[in-house]
Amino acid sequence: MKRYIRNLSLVSAVVISIVSCSSHQYSVQSVDYQRVTIDSQFDALPDAEAIAFLAPFKAKVDSLMSPVVGRVACDMDADRPESKLSNLLADILIWAAKDFDEKPVISVYNMGGIRASLSKGDVTIGNVIDVAPFENKLCFMTLKGSQVTTLFEQIAARGGEGCNHAVRAVISKDNKLVSLKINGEEVNPDADYRVATIDYLADGNDGLPILKSGTNRKMLIDKSNNLRFIIMDFFRENTKQGREVHAEVEGRITVE
């Protein structure tokens, strides 16, 4: 622990020295990331003092994260253009709408907001938080059919996002929208379509700016409407009914 603090202090001092001596202005040009599993290869010589210090905190965290909320019938991950986990999460947005007197026909859940996979078997509170770690809230809006087409053009440009069961979109290999049907019908450019999504996307983020144009917006800002709690409630309801949760890749978004 002491060695770690000394090293951190040294690194901090070097960084401060470099920044303070530089006459140039710097700005972030891009950000890239990947998930890194922290296991024994990163700590071949564990610090006994640090482990002892963290032990009581670990016990508390484990007691909060370990309760089981449900089960999944198969392994689920998130991948473009479509995947089991992204399909499930998009369907959960539709499922949750009933509690807010909403009947959306389309839902969108971004792949970038899905930060872990689910393994076949028990799903714990900790597993759900790993999947949905952000403070995103459920929200609803109305798009004209012409805007729905634009939405799926933007989704196609990203190679796919999580969409609900009603969606059947075909995109080309160069990420262009080829065709789109909602509940088996062509999109009417003049009709209204109710959409369920998350507040982050509703603000036009993650390459889907058309969502910022949605009307009759219902933004659920209360903490209880955090997506992680909605996902937990979905699993708990299925558990009460004696059901494992299933999800399939079924052609919601395909590449031709």
C-alpha atoms as a PDB file:
ATOM      1  CA  MET A   1       0.000   0.000   0.000  1.00  0.00           C
ATOM      2  CA  LYS A   2       2.764   2.458   0.984  1.00  0.00           C
ATOM      3  CA  ARG A   3       4.762   1.515  -2.105  1.00  0.00           C
ATOM      4  CA  TYR A   4       1.669   2.178  -4.258  1.00  0.00           C
ATOM      5  CA  ILE A   5       1.128   5.604  -2.684  1.00  0.00           C
ATOM      6  CA  ARG A   6       4.784   6.579  -3.178  1.00  0.00           C
ATOM      7  CA  ASN A   7       4.659   5.530  -6.835  1.00  0.00           C
ATOM      8  CA  LEU A   8       1.393   7.381  -7.411  1.00  0.00           C
ATOM      9  CA  SER A   9       2.823  10.526  -5.836  1.00  0.00           C
ATOM     10  CA  LEU A  10       5.902  10.325  -8.070  1.00  0.00           C
ATOM     11  CA  VAL A  11       3.805   9.911 -11.221  1.00  0.00           C
ATOM     12  CA  SER A  12       1.573  12.821 -10.204  1.00  0.00           C
ATOM     13  CA  ALA A  13       4.589  15.053  -9.607  1.00  0.00           C
ATOM     14  CA  VAL A  14       6.024  14.235 -13.027  1.00  0.00           C
ATOM     15  CA  VAL A  15       2.706  14.928 -14.762  1.00  0.00           C
ATOM     16  CA  ILE A  16       2.264  18.256 -12.947  1.00  0.00           C
ATOM     17  CA  SER A  17       5.835  19.236 -13.825  1.00  0.00           C
ATOM     18  CA  ILE A  18       5.336  18.474 -17.518  1.00  0.00           C
ATOM     19  CA  VAL A  19       2.038  20.334 -17.709  1.00  0.00           C
ATOM     20  CA  SER A  20       3.297  23.382 -15.828  1.00  0.00           C
ATOM     21  CA  CYS A  21       6.436  23.685 -17.952  1.00  0.00           C
ATOM     22  CA  SER A  22       4.710  23.331 -21.299  1.00  0.00           C
ATOM     23  CA  SER A  23       3.767  26.422 -23.279  1.00  0.00           C
ATOM     24  CA  HIS A  24       1.444  24.483 -25.595  1.00  0.00           C
ATOM     25  CA  GLN A  25      -2.311  24.036 -25.275  1.00  0.00           C
ATOM     26  CA  TYR A  26      -3.527  20.476 -25.589  1.00  0.00           C
ATOM     27  CA  SER A  27      -7.010  19.088 -26.192  1.00  0.00           C
ATOM     28  CA  VAL A  28      -8.440  15.581 -26.455  1.00  0.00           C
ATOM     29  CA  GLN A  29      -8.786  14.570 -30.110  1.00  0.00           C
ATOM     30  CA  SER A  30     -10.336  11.150 -29.645  1.00  0.00           C
ATOM     31  CA  VAL A  31     -11.169   8.568 -27.010  1.00  0.00           C
ATOM     32  CA  ASP A  32     -10.950   4.806 -27.369  1.00  0.00           C
ATOM     33  CA  TYR A  33     -11.511   2.119 -24.774  1.00  0.00           C
ATOM     34  CA  GLN A  34     -11.708  -1.590 -24.112  1.00  0.00           C
ATOM     35  CA  ARG A  35     -12.757  -3.651 -21.126  1.00  0.00           C
ATOM     36  CA  VAL A  36      -9.846  -5.113 -19.173  1.00  0.00           C
ATOM     37  CA  THR A  37     -10.453  -7.960 -16.756  1.00  0.00           C
ATOM     38  CA  ILE A  38      -8.447  -7.339 -13.595  1.00  0.00           C
ATOM     39  CA  ASP A  39      -7.152 -10.737 -12.513  1.00  0.00           C
ATOM     40  CA  SER A  40      -4.007 -12.305 -11.078  1.00  0.00           C
ATOM     41  CA  GLN A  41      -1.845 -11.414 -14.070  1.00  0.00           C
ATOM     42  CA  PHE A  42      -2.007  -7.755 -12.990  1.00  0.00           C
ATOM     43  CA  ASP A  43      -1.115  -8.519  -9.388  1.00  0.00           C
ATOM     44  CA  ALA A  44       1.417 -11.320  -9.243  1.00  0.00           C
ATOM     45  CA  LEU A  45       2.587 -10.025  -5.849  1.00  0.00           C
ATOM     46  CA  PRO A  46      -0.595  -9.122  -3.923  1.00  0.00           C
ATOM     47  CA  ASP A  47      -0.171  -6.611  -1.131  1.00  0.00           C
ATOM     48  CA  ALA A  48      -1.389  -8.245   2.083  1.00  0.00           C
ATOM     49  CA  GLU A  49      -1.853  -4.874   3.771  1.00  0.00           C
ATOM     50  CA  ALA A  50      -4.084  -3.630   0.942  1.00  0.00           C
ATOM     51  CA  ILE A  51      -6.126  -6.859   0.948  1.00  0.00           C
ATOM     52  CA  ALA A  52      -6.711  -6.599   4.678  1.00  0.00           C
ATOM     53  CA  PHE A  53      -7.729  -2.948   4.349  1.00  0.00           C
ATOM     54  CA  LEU A  54     -10.268  -3.724   1.620  1.00  0.00           C
ATOM     55  CA  ALA A  55     -11.712  -6.893   3.189  1.00  0.00           C
ATOM     56  CA  PRO A  56     -14.545  -5.280   5.196  1.00  0.00           C
ATOM     57  CA  PHE A  57     -15.573  -3.136   2.213  1.00  0.00           C
ATOM     58  CA  LYS A  58     -15.567  -6.194  -0.056  1.00  0.00           C
ATOM     59  CA  ALA A  59     -17.845  -8.056   2.334  1.00  0.00           C
ATOM     60  CA  LYS A  60     -20.312  -5.153   2.325  1.00  0.00           C
ATOM     61  CA  VAL A  61     -20.278  -4.834  -1.468  1.00  0.00           C
ATOM     62  CA  ASP A  62     -20.698  -8.588  -1.935  1.00  0.00           C
ATOM     63  CA  SER A  63     -23.732  -8.591   0.382  1.00  0.00           C
ATOM     64  CA  LEU A  64     -25.366  -5.904  -1.770  1.00  0.00           C
ATOM     65  CA  MET A  65     -24.463  -7.330  -5.158  1.00  0.00           C
ATOM     66  CA  SER A  66     -24.962 -11.065  -4.681  1.00  0.00           C
ATOM     67  CA  PRO A  67     -28.787 -11.378  -4.323  1.00  0.00           C
ATOM     68  CA  VAL A  68     -30.288 -13.188  -7.322  1.00  0.00           C
ATOM     69  CA  VAL A  69     -33.045 -11.397  -9.261  1.00  0.00           C
ATOM     70  CA  GLY A  70     -33.631 -13.996 -11.974  1.00  0.00           C
ATOM     71  CA  ARG A  71     -32.157 -16.440 -14.452  1.00  0.00           C
ATOM     72  CA  VAL A  72     -31.250 -16.412 -18.130  1.00  0.00           C
ATOM     73  CA  ALA A  73     -31.650 -19.519 -20.239  1.00  0.00           C
ATOM     74  CA  CYS A  74     -28.514 -18.938 -22.320  1.00  0.00           C
ATOM     75  CA  ASP A  75     -25.394 -16.826 -22.558  1.00  0.00           C
ATOM     76  CA  MET A  76     -26.176 -13.297 -23.777  1.00  0.00           C
ATOM     77  CA  ASP A  77     -23.838 -10.665 -25.141  1.00  0.00           C
ATOM     78  CA  ALA A  78     -24.116  -7.420 -27.113  1.00  0.00           C
ATOM     79  CA  ASP A  79     -22.894  -7.162 -30.684  1.00  0.00           C
ATOM     80  CA  ARG A  80     -23.819  -5.438 -33.924  1.00  0.00           C
ATOM     81  CA  PRO A  81     -25.936  -5.577 -35.960  1.00  0.00           C
ATOM     82  CA  GLU A  82     -28.081  -7.547 -33.506  1.00  0.00           C
ATOM     83  CA  SER A  83     -27.548  -9.723 -30.452  1.00  0.00           C
ATOM     84  CA  LYS A  84     -29.423 -11.566 -27.744  1.00  0.00           C
ATOM     85  CA  LEU A  85     -28.637  -9.102 -24.976  1.00  0.00           C
ATOM     86  CA  SER A  86     -29.357  -5.955 -26.989  1.00  0.00           C
ATOM     87  CA  ASN A  87     -32.658  -7.495 -28.123  1.00  0.00           C
ATOM     88  CA  LEU A  88     -33.578  -8.320 -24.545  1.00  0.00           C
ATOM     89  CA  LEU A  89     -32.804  -4.847 -23.232  1.00  0.00           C
ATOM     90  CA  ALA A  90     -34.765  -3.171 -26.039  1.00  0.00           C
ATOM     91  CA  ASP A  91     -37.739  -5.434 -25.284  1.00  0.00           C
ATOM     92  CA  ILE A  92     -37.506  -4.547 -21.586  1.00  0.00           C
ATOM     93  CA  LEU A  93     -38.048  -0.886 -22.508  1.00  0.00           C
ATOM     94  CA  ILE A  94     -41.308  -1.895 -24.208  1.00  0.00           C
ATOM     95  CA  TRP A  95     -42.262  -4.081 -21.238  1.00  0.00           C
ATOM     96  CA  ALA A  96     -41.696  -1.234 -18.777  1.00  0.00           C
ATOM     97  CA  ALA A  97     -43.878   1.218 -20.724  1.00  0.00           C
ATOM     98  CA  LYS A  98     -47.101  -0.152 -19.256  1.00  0.00           C
ATOM     99  CA  ASP A  99     -46.209   1.261 -15.847  1.00  0.00           C
ATOM    100  CA  PHE A 100     -46.210   4.773 -17.333  1.00  0.00           C
ATOM    101  CA  ASP A 101     -49.386   4.508 -19.443  1.00  0.00           C
ATOM    102  CA  GLU A 102     -47.280   4.332 -22.587  1.00  0.00           C
ATOM    103  CA  LYS A 103     -47.590   2.105 -25.666  1.00  0.00           C
ATOM    104  CA  PRO A 104     -44.429   2.574 -27.729  1.00  0.00           C
ATOM    105  CA  VAL A 105     -44.092   0.663 -30.993  1.00  0.00           C
ATOM    106  CA  ILE A 106     -40.324   1.173 -31.267  1.00  0.00           C
ATOM    107  CA  SER A 107     -37.525   1.032 -28.714  1.00  0.00           C
ATOM    108  CA  VAL A 108     -33.836   1.774 -29.074  1.00  0.00           C
ATOM    109  CA  TYR A 109     -31.052   0.766 -26.660  1.00  0.00           C
ATOM    110  CA  ASN A 110     -27.514   1.682 -27.674  1.00  0.00           C
ATOM    111  CA  MET A 111     -24.806  -0.964 -27.817  1.00  0.00           C
ATOM    112  CA  GLY A 112     -22.362   1.436 -26.164  1.00  0.00           C
ATOM    113  CA  GLY A 113     -24.539   1.504 -23.066  1.00  0.00           C
ATOM    114  CA  ILE A 114     -24.259  -2.271 -22.592  1.00  0.00           C
ATOM    115  CA  ARG A 115     -21.074  -2.826 -20.604  1.00  0.00           C
ATOM    116  CA  ALA A 116     -21.113  -6.556 -19.791  1.00  0.00           C
ATOM    117  CA  SER A 117     -22.578  -9.877 -20.846  1.00  0.00           C
ATOM    118  CA  LEU A 118     -24.878 -12.271 -19.012  1.00  0.00           C
ATOM    119  CA  SER A 119     -23.939 -15.916 -18.523  1.00  0.00           C
ATOM    120  CA  LYS A 120     -26.468 -18.734 -18.520  1.00  0.00           C
ATOM    121  CA  GLY A 121     -27.928 -19.255 -15.051  1.00  0.00           C
ATOM    122  CA  ASP A 122     -28.528 -16.933 -12.127  1.00  0.00           C
ATOM    123  CA  VAL A 123     -28.521 -13.170 -12.643  1.00  0.00           C
ATOM    124  CA  THR A 124     -27.555 -11.101  -9.598  1.00  0.00           C
ATOM    125  CA  ILE A 125     -27.979  -7.445  -8.783  1.00  0.00           C
ATOM    126  CA  GLY A 126     -24.266  -7.076  -9.470  1.00  0.00           C
ATOM    127  CA  ASN A 127     -24.660  -8.642 -12.919  1.00  0.00           C
ATOM    128  CA  VAL A 128     -27.370  -6.134 -13.837  1.00  0.00           C
ATOM    129  CA  ILE A 129     -25.263  -3.211 -12.629  1.00  0.00           C
ATOM    130  CA  ASP A 130     -22.347  -4.512 -14.708  1.00  0.00           C
ATOM    131  CA  VAL A 131     -24.598  -4.536 -17.781  1.00  0.00           C
ATOM    132  CA  ALA A 132     -26.164  -1.108 -17.090  1.00  0.00           C
ATOM    133  CA  PRO A 133     -23.769   0.862 -14.862  1.00  0.00           C
ATOM    134  CA  PHE A 134     -24.886   4.333 -15.873  1.00  0.00           C
ATOM    135  CA  GLU A 135     -27.540   6.648 -14.431  1.00  0.00           C
ATOM    136  CA  ASN A 136     -29.690   6.436 -17.577  1.00  0.00           C
ATOM    137  CA  LYS A 137     -33.462   6.816 -17.248  1.00  0.00           C
ATOM    138  CA  LEU A 138     -36.310   5.542 -19.393  1.00  0.00           C
ATOM    139  CA  CYS A 139     -38.032   8.097 -21.610  1.00  0.00           C
ATOM    140  CA  PHE A 140     -40.625   8.295 -24.379  1.00  0.00           C
ATOM    141  CA  MET A 141     -41.166  10.518 -27.403  1.00  0.00           C
ATOM    142  CA  THR A 142     -43.059  10.710 -30.673  1.00  0.00           C
ATOM    143  CA  LEU A 143     -41.403  10.677 -34.095  1.00  0.00           C
ATOM    144  CA  LYS A 144     -43.008  11.161 -37.481  1.00  0.00           C
ATOM    145  CA  GLY A 145     -42.528   8.248 -39.855  1.00  0.00           C
ATOM    146  CA  SER A 146     -40.060  10.281 -41.899  1.00  0.00           C
ATOM    147  CA  GLN A 147     -38.033  10.816 -38.707  1.00  0.00           C
ATOM    148  CA  VAL A 148     -38.238   7.083 -37.913  1.00  0.00           C
ATOM    149  CA  THR A 149     -36.649   6.390 -41.289  1.00  0.00           C
ATOM    150  CA  THR A 150     -33.920   8.914 -40.481  1.00  0.00           C
ATOM    151  CA  LEU A 151     -33.430   7.234 -37.099  1.00  0.00           C
ATOM    152  CA  PHE A 152     -32.814   3.875 -38.737  1.00  0.00           C
ATOM    153  CA  GLU A 153     -30.533   5.447 -41.319  1.00  0.00           C
ATOM    154  CA  GLN A 154     -28.480   6.682 -38.374  1.00  0.00           C
ATOM    155  CA  ILE A 155     -28.684   3.264 -36.713  1.00  0.00           C
ATOM    156  CA  ALA A 156     -27.539   1.671 -39.994  1.00  0.00           C
ATOM    157  CA  ALA A 157     -24.589   4.074 -40.142  1.00  0.00           C
ATOM    158  CA  ARG A 158     -23.497   2.710 -36.767  1.00  0.00           C
ATOM    159  CA  GLY A 159     -23.866  -0.901 -37.916  1.00  0.00           C
ATOM    160  CA  GLY A 160     -26.911  -1.557 -35.699  1.00  0.00           C
ATOM    161  CA  GLU A 161     -28.251  -0.837 -32.230  1.00  0.00           C
ATOM    162  CA  GLY A 162     -30.598  -2.639 -29.860  1.00  0.00           C
ATOM    163  CA  CYS A 163     -34.184  -2.562 -31.218  1.00  0.00           C
ATOM    164  CA  ASN A 164     -37.416  -4.227 -30.159  1.00  0.00           C
ATOM    165  CA  HIS A 165     -39.214  -7.224 -31.665  1.00  0.00           C
ATOM    166  CA  ALA A 166     -41.422  -5.114 -33.986  1.00  0.00           C
ATOM    167  CA  VAL A 167     -38.429  -3.895 -36.001  1.00  0.00           C
ATOM    168  CA  ARG A 168     -37.242  -5.482 -39.223  1.00  0.00           C
ATOM    169  CA  ALA A 169     -34.463  -3.442 -40.779  1.00  0.00           C
ATOM    170  CA  VAL A 170     -32.042  -4.417 -43.515  1.00  0.00           C
ATOM    171  CA  ILE A 171     -28.761  -2.552 -43.882  1.00  0.00           C
ATOM    172  CA  SER A 172     -26.052  -2.834 -46.502  1.00  0.00           C
ATOM    173  CA  LYS A 173     -22.462  -3.848 -45.917  1.00  0.00           C
ATOM    174  CA  ASP A 174     -21.470  -0.189 -46.192  1.00  0.00           C
ATOM    175  CA  ASN A 175     -23.952   0.709 -43.415  1.00  0.00           C
ATOM    176  CA  LYS A 176     -26.804   2.157 -45.453  1.00  0.00           C
ATOM    177  CA  LEU A 177     -30.472   1.519 -44.701  1.00  0.00           C
ATOM    178  CA  VAL A 178     -31.941  -0.760 -47.390  1.00  0.00           C
ATOM    179  CA  SER A 179     -35.421  -1.412 -46.004  1.00  0.00           C
ATOM    180  CA  LEU A 180     -37.463  -0.960 -42.851  1.00  0.00           C
ATOM    181  CA  LYS A 181     -40.710  -2.371 -41.529  1.00  0.00           C
ATOM    182  CA  ILE A 182     -42.417  -1.878 -38.173  1.00  0.00           C
ATOM    183  CA  ASN A 183     -44.812  -4.648 -37.154  1.00  0.00           C
ATOM    184  CA  GLY A 184     -44.615  -5.991 -40.682  1.00  0.00           C
ATOM    185  CA  GLU A 185     -45.637  -2.741 -42.363  1.00  0.00           C
ATOM    186  CA  GLU A 186     -43.761  -0.108 -44.324  1.00  0.00           C
ATOM    187  CA  VAL A 187     -43.169   3.088 -42.385  1.00  0.00           C
ATOM    188  CA  ASN A 188     -45.771   5.783 -43.124  1.00  0.00           C
ATOM    189  CA  PRO A 189     -43.821   9.058 -43.340  1.00  0.00           C
ATOM    190  CA  ASP A 190     -46.793  11.072 -42.063  1.00  0.00           C
ATOM    191  CA  ALA A 191     -47.821   8.805 -39.178  1.00  0.00           C
ATOM    192  CA  ASP A 192     -46.810   9.218 -35.524  1.00  0.00           C
ATOM    193  CA  TYR A 193     -44.697   6.530 -33.874  1.00  0.00           C
ATOM    194  CA  ARG A 194     -44.185   6.363 -30.130  1.00  0.00           C
ATOM    195  CA  VAL A 195     -40.584   5.530 -29.187  1.00  0.00           C
ATOM    196  CA  ALA A 196     -39.083   4.258 -25.934  1.00  0.00           C
ATOM    197  CA  THR A 197     -35.395   4.866 -25.328  1.00  0.00           C
ATOM    198  CA  ILE A 198     -32.978   6.186 -22.715  1.00  0.00           C
ATOM    199  CA  ASP A 199     -32.384   9.809 -21.811  1.00  0.00           C
ATOM    200  CA  TYR A 200     -28.812   9.735 -23.104  1.00  0.00           C
ATOM    201  CA  LEU A 201     -30.050   8.881 -26.598  1.00  0.00           C
ATOM    202  CA  ALA A 202     -33.048  11.206 -26.300  1.00  0.00           C
ATOM    203  CA  ASP A 203     -30.545  14.060 -26.050  1.00  0.00           C
ATOM    204  CA  GLY A 204     -29.197  13.134 -29.492  1.00  0.00           C
ATOM    205  CA  ASN A 205     -26.047  11.352 -28.347  1.00  0.00           C
ATOM    206  CA  ASP A 206     -24.212   8.304 -29.687  1.00  0.00           C
ATOM    207  CA  GLY A 207     -24.780   9.112 -33.353  1.00  0.00           C
ATOM    208  CA  LEU A 208     -28.580   9.332 -33.149  1.00  0.00           C
ATOM    209  CA  PRO A 209     -29.264  13.102 -33.291  1.00  0.00           C
ATOM    210  CA  ILE A 210     -32.759  12.691 -34.765  1.00  0.00           C
ATOM    211  CA  LEU A 211     -34.018  11.583 -31.340  1.00  0.00           C
ATOM    212  CA  LYS A 212     -33.455  15.104 -30.098  1.00  0.00           C
ATOM    213  CA  SER A 213     -36.286  16.176 -32.426  1.00  0.00           C
ATOM    214  CA  GLY A 214     -38.878  13.918 -30.788  1.00  0.00           C
ATOM    215  CA  THR A 215     -42.079  15.565 -29.569  1.00  0.00           C
ATOM    216  CA  ASN A 216     -44.436  14.867 -26.640  1.00  0.00           C
ATOM    217  CA  ARG A 217     -41.408  13.856 -24.643  1.00  0.00           C
ATOM    218  CA  LYS A 218     -41.871  12.119 -21.317  1.00  0.00           C
ATOM    219  CA  MET A 219     -38.590  12.140 -19.418  1.00  0.00           C
ATOM    220  CA  LEU A 220     -38.682   9.991 -16.290  1.00  0.00           C
ATOM    221  CA  ILE A 221     -36.163  11.720 -14.070  1.00  0.00           C
ATOM    222  CA  ASP A 222     -36.897   9.992 -10.759  1.00  0.00           C
ATOM    223  CA  LYS A 223     -34.099   7.744  -9.522  1.00  0.00           C
ATOM    224  CA  SER A 224     -36.489   4.789  -9.342  1.00  0.00           C
ATOM    225  CA  ASN A 225     -36.715   4.906 -13.137  1.00  0.00           C
ATOM    226  CA  ASN A 226     -33.017   4.169 -13.558  1.00  0.00           C
ATOM    227  CA  LEU A 227     -32.671   1.440 -16.177  1.00  0.00           C
ATOM    228  CA  ARG A 228     -30.873  -0.911 -13.831  1.00  0.00           C
ATOM    229  CA  PHE A 229     -33.881  -0.965 -11.498  1.00  0.00           C
ATOM    230  CA  ILE A 230     -36.276  -1.524 -14.407  1.00  0.00           C
ATOM    231  CA  ILE A 231     -34.120  -4.433 -15.627  1.00  0.00           C
ATOM    232  CA  MET A 232     -34.095  -5.926 -12.123  1.00  0.00           C
ATOM    233  CA  ASP A 233     -37.882  -5.606 -11.902  1.00  0.00           C
ATOM    234  CA  PHE A 234     -38.229  -7.413 -15.226  1.00  0.00           C
ATOM    235  CA  PHE A 235     -36.169 -10.332 -13.952  1.00  0.00           C
ATOM    236  CA  ARG A 236     -38.028 -10.426 -10.632  1.00  0.00           C
ATOM    237  CA  GLU A 237     -41.394 -10.561 -12.380  1.00  0.00           C
ATOM    238  CA  ASN A 238     -40.266 -13.466 -14.535  1.00  0.00           C
ATOM    239  CA  THR A 239     -38.922 -15.224 -11.444  1.00  0.00           C
ATOM    240  CA  LYS A 240     -42.280 -14.849  -9.678  1.00  0.00           C
ATOM    241  CA  GLN A 241     -43.910 -16.502 -12.677  1.00  0.00           C
ATOM    242  CA  GLY A 242     -41.362 -19.339 -12.623  1.00  0.00           C
ATOM    243  CA  ARG A 243     -39.761 -18.373 -15.919  1.00  0.00           C
ATOM    244  CA  GLU A 244     -36.189 -18.152 -17.105  1.00  0.00           C
ATOM    245  CA  VAL A 245     -35.521 -15.222 -19.416  1.00  0.00           C
ATOM    246  CA  HIS A 246     -34.950 -16.086 -23.073  1.00  0.00           C
ATOM    247  CA  ALA A 247     -33.648 -13.987 -25.955  1.00  0.00           C
ATOM    248  CA  GLU A 248     -32.878 -14.792 -29.572  1.00  0.00           C
ATOM    249  CA  VAL A 249     -31.238 -13.237 -32.589  1.00  0.00           C
ATOM    250  CA  GLU A 250     -34.249 -13.143 -34.899  1.00  0.00           C
ATOM    251  CA  GLY A 251     -33.524 -10.827 -37.799  1.00  0.00           C
ATOM    252  CA  ARG A 252     -34.447  -7.470 -36.302  1.00  0.00           C
ATOM    253  CA  ILE A 253     -31.448  -5.916 -38.034  1.00  0.00           C
ATOM    254  CA  THR A 254     -29.729  -7.857 -40.789  1.00  0.00           C
ATOM    255  CA  VAL A 255     -26.901  -7.072 -43.191  1.00  0.00           C
ATOM    256  CA  GLU A 256     -27.232  -7.994 -46.829  1.00  0.00           C
END
